[in-house]
Amino acid sequence: MALSVSALVLFGILCIIFIRNKQMKIPHAIIAALFGFMLHETTIAGSINSLLANLAHSISGITGG
């Protein structure tokens, strides 16, 4: 578990750096995908899913869809 959390933090930092520098290329997108897969395995995944579902519901309510 400690190794997974460390890799998760590393991938998260790398994604932030690449996005802020506007240099997101194919290898960087692969790192972002790995970050997503690792984030899915953590306990925060349920909270993120709930947040995204609520956001989608709010947007659909605003647009009338």
N, C-alpha and C. Protein backbone atom coordinates (compact mmCIF):
# COMPACT_ATOMS: atom_id res chain seq x y z
N MET A 1 0.82 -1.20 0.00
CA MET A 1 0.00 0.00 0.00
C MET A 1 0.86 1.25 0.00
N ALA A 2 1.96 1.25 0.74
CA ALA A 2 2.81 2.44 0.81
C ALA A 2 3.41 2.76 -0.56
N LEU A 3 3.77 1.73 -1.30
CA LEU A 3 4.32 1.94 -2.64
C LEU A 3 3.26 2.53 -3.56
N SER A 4 2.03 2.07 -3.46
CA SER A 4 0.95 2.58 -4.30
C SER A 4 0.68 4.05 -4.01
N VAL A 5 0.66 4.41 -2.73
CA VAL A 5 0.40 5.80 -2.38
C VAL A 5 1.54 6.68 -2.88
N SER A 6 2.77 6.22 -2.76
CA SER A 6 3.90 7.01 -3.24
C SER A 6 3.84 7.20 -4.75
N ALA A 7 3.52 6.15 -5.48
CA ALA A 7 3.39 6.26 -6.93
C ALA A 7 2.22 7.16 -7.29
N LEU A 8 1.14 7.09 -6.53
CA LEU A 8 -0.02 7.94 -6.77
C LEU A 8 0.35 9.40 -6.61
N VAL A 9 1.08 9.72 -5.57
CA VAL A 9 1.52 11.10 -5.34
C VAL A 9 2.45 11.55 -6.46
N LEU A 10 3.38 10.70 -6.86
CA LEU A 10 4.30 11.02 -7.94
C LEU A 10 3.56 11.29 -9.24
N PHE A 11 2.62 10.42 -9.62
CA PHE A 11 1.87 10.62 -10.85
C PHE A 11 1.01 11.90 -10.76
N GLY A 12 0.45 12.17 -9.61
CA GLY A 12 -0.33 13.38 -9.44
C GLY A 12 0.50 14.64 -9.62
N ILE A 13 1.68 14.65 -9.04
CA ILE A 13 2.57 15.81 -9.18
C ILE A 13 3.00 15.98 -10.64
N LEU A 14 3.33 14.88 -11.30
CA LEU A 14 3.72 14.96 -12.71
C LEU A 14 2.58 15.47 -13.58
N CYS A 15 1.37 15.03 -13.33
CA CYS A 15 0.22 15.52 -14.10
C CYS A 15 0.02 17.01 -13.91
N ILE A 16 0.12 17.47 -12.69
CA ILE A 16 -0.03 18.91 -12.41
C ILE A 16 1.04 19.72 -13.14
N ILE A 17 2.27 19.25 -13.09
CA ILE A 17 3.37 19.96 -13.76
C ILE A 17 3.13 20.03 -15.26
N PHE A 18 2.75 18.90 -15.87
CA PHE A 18 2.55 18.89 -17.32
C PHE A 18 1.38 19.76 -17.74
N ILE A 19 0.32 19.76 -16.97
CA ILE A 19 -0.84 20.57 -17.32
C ILE A 19 -0.53 22.05 -17.14
N ARG A 20 0.16 22.41 -16.09
CA ARG A 20 0.48 23.82 -15.85
C ARG A 20 1.45 24.37 -16.89
N ASN A 21 2.36 23.53 -17.38
CA ASN A 21 3.31 23.97 -18.39
C ASN A 21 2.76 23.84 -19.81
N LYS A 22 1.55 23.37 -19.95
CA LYS A 22 0.89 23.18 -21.25
C LYS A 22 1.74 22.33 -22.18
N GLN A 23 2.27 21.23 -21.65
CA GLN A 23 3.11 20.34 -22.42
C GLN A 23 2.58 18.92 -22.38
N MET A 24 1.27 18.75 -22.36
CA MET A 24 0.68 17.41 -22.26
C MET A 24 0.78 16.72 -23.62
N LYS A 25 1.73 15.80 -23.74
CA LYS A 25 1.94 15.04 -24.95
C LYS A 25 1.55 13.58 -24.66
N ILE A 26 1.74 12.69 -25.63
CA ILE A 26 1.31 11.30 -25.50
C ILE A 26 1.92 10.62 -24.26
N PRO A 27 3.24 10.70 -24.02
CA PRO A 27 3.76 10.06 -22.80
C PRO A 27 3.16 10.65 -21.52
N HIS A 28 2.89 11.95 -21.56
CA HIS A 28 2.30 12.59 -20.40
C HIS A 28 0.85 12.13 -20.20
N ALA A 29 0.16 11.93 -21.29
CA ALA A 29 -1.22 11.43 -21.19
C ALA A 29 -1.23 10.01 -20.62
N ILE A 30 -0.22 9.23 -20.96
CA ILE A 30 -0.10 7.87 -20.38
C ILE A 30 0.10 7.96 -18.88
N ILE A 31 0.92 8.90 -18.43
CA ILE A 31 1.13 9.10 -17.00
C ILE A 31 -0.18 9.53 -16.34
N ALA A 32 -0.94 10.40 -17.01
CA ALA A 32 -2.23 10.83 -16.47
C ALA A 32 -3.19 9.66 -16.37
N ALA A 33 -3.17 8.78 -17.36
CA ALA A 33 -4.03 7.60 -17.31
C ALA A 33 -3.62 6.67 -16.17
N LEU A 34 -2.32 6.48 -15.98
CA LEU A 34 -1.85 5.67 -14.86
C LEU A 34 -2.27 6.28 -13.53
N PHE A 35 -2.22 7.60 -13.45
CA PHE A 35 -2.66 8.29 -12.24
C PHE A 35 -4.14 8.00 -11.98
N GLY A 36 -4.95 8.03 -13.03
CA GLY A 36 -6.37 7.74 -12.89
C GLY A 36 -6.62 6.32 -12.42
N PHE A 37 -5.88 5.36 -13.00
CA PHE A 37 -6.05 3.97 -12.58
C PHE A 37 -5.62 3.77 -11.13
N MET A 38 -4.55 4.42 -10.72
CA MET A 38 -4.11 4.28 -9.33
C MET A 38 -5.07 4.98 -8.38
N LEU A 39 -5.61 6.12 -8.81
CA LEU A 39 -6.56 6.85 -7.97
C LEU A 39 -7.83 6.04 -7.78
N HIS A 40 -8.19 5.26 -8.77
CA HIS A 40 -9.38 4.42 -8.68
C HIS A 40 -9.28 3.40 -7.56
N GLU A 41 -8.08 2.99 -7.22
CA GLU A 41 -7.87 1.97 -6.20
C GLU A 41 -7.88 2.53 -4.78
N THR A 42 -7.92 3.85 -4.61
CA THR A 42 -7.87 4.44 -3.28
C THR A 42 -9.27 4.59 -2.69
N THR A 43 -9.34 4.97 -1.43
CA THR A 43 -10.63 5.14 -0.77
C THR A 43 -11.34 6.42 -1.21
N ILE A 44 -10.62 7.34 -1.82
CA ILE A 44 -11.24 8.59 -2.25
C ILE A 44 -12.02 8.43 -3.56
N ALA A 45 -11.91 7.28 -4.20
CA ALA A 45 -12.59 7.05 -5.49
C ALA A 45 -14.10 7.21 -5.37
N GLY A 46 -14.69 6.72 -4.30
CA GLY A 46 -16.14 6.85 -4.11
C GLY A 46 -16.57 8.30 -4.00
N SER A 47 -15.79 9.11 -3.30
CA SER A 47 -16.11 10.53 -3.17
C SER A 47 -16.00 11.25 -4.50
N ILE A 48 -14.99 10.90 -5.28
CA ILE A 48 -14.82 11.52 -6.59
C ILE A 48 -15.98 11.15 -7.51
N ASN A 49 -16.39 9.88 -7.50
CA ASN A 49 -17.53 9.45 -8.32
C ASN A 49 -18.80 10.19 -7.92
N SER A 50 -19.02 10.35 -6.62
CA SER A 50 -20.21 11.06 -6.15
C SER A 50 -20.17 12.52 -6.59
N LEU A 51 -19.01 13.15 -6.47
CA LEU A 51 -18.86 14.54 -6.88
C LEU A 51 -19.15 14.71 -8.36
N LEU A 52 -18.60 13.83 -9.19
CA LEU A 52 -18.82 13.92 -10.63
C LEU A 52 -20.28 13.65 -11.00
N ALA A 53 -20.91 12.71 -10.32
CA ALA A 53 -22.32 12.43 -10.58
C ALA A 53 -23.20 13.63 -10.20
N ASN A 54 -22.91 14.25 -9.06
CA ASN A 54 -23.67 15.43 -8.65
C ASN A 54 -23.44 16.59 -9.60
N LEU A 55 -22.22 16.75 -10.07
CA LEU A 55 -21.91 17.81 -11.02
C LEU A 55 -22.66 17.58 -12.33
N ALA A 56 -22.67 16.36 -12.82
CA ALA A 56 -23.39 16.05 -14.06
C ALA A 56 -24.89 16.28 -13.89
N HIS A 57 -25.42 15.91 -12.73
CA HIS A 57 -26.84 16.13 -12.46
C HIS A 57 -27.16 17.62 -12.41
N SER A 58 -26.29 18.40 -11.81
CA SER A 58 -26.50 19.85 -11.73
C SER A 58 -26.46 20.48 -13.12
N ILE A 59 -25.50 20.06 -13.92
CA ILE A 59 -25.38 20.62 -15.27
C ILE A 59 -26.60 20.25 -16.12
N SER A 60 -27.06 19.01 -15.99
CA SER A 60 -28.24 18.61 -16.77
C SER A 60 -29.48 19.36 -16.30
N GLY A 61 -29.53 19.70 -15.01
CA GLY A 61 -30.65 20.48 -14.50
C GLY A 61 -30.63 21.91 -15.03
N ILE A 62 -29.44 22.47 -15.18
CA ILE A 62 -29.31 23.83 -15.70
C ILE A 62 -29.67 23.89 -17.18
N THR A 63 -29.22 22.90 -17.94
CA THR A 63 -29.47 22.91 -19.38
C THR A 63 -30.86 22.41 -19.73
N GLY A 64 -31.58 21.87 -18.76
CA GLY A 64 -32.94 21.40 -19.00
C GLY A 64 -32.98 20.03 -19.65
N GLY A 65 -31.86 19.29 -19.63
CA GLY A 65 -31.81 17.98 -20.28
C GLY A 65 -32.16 16.96 -19.35
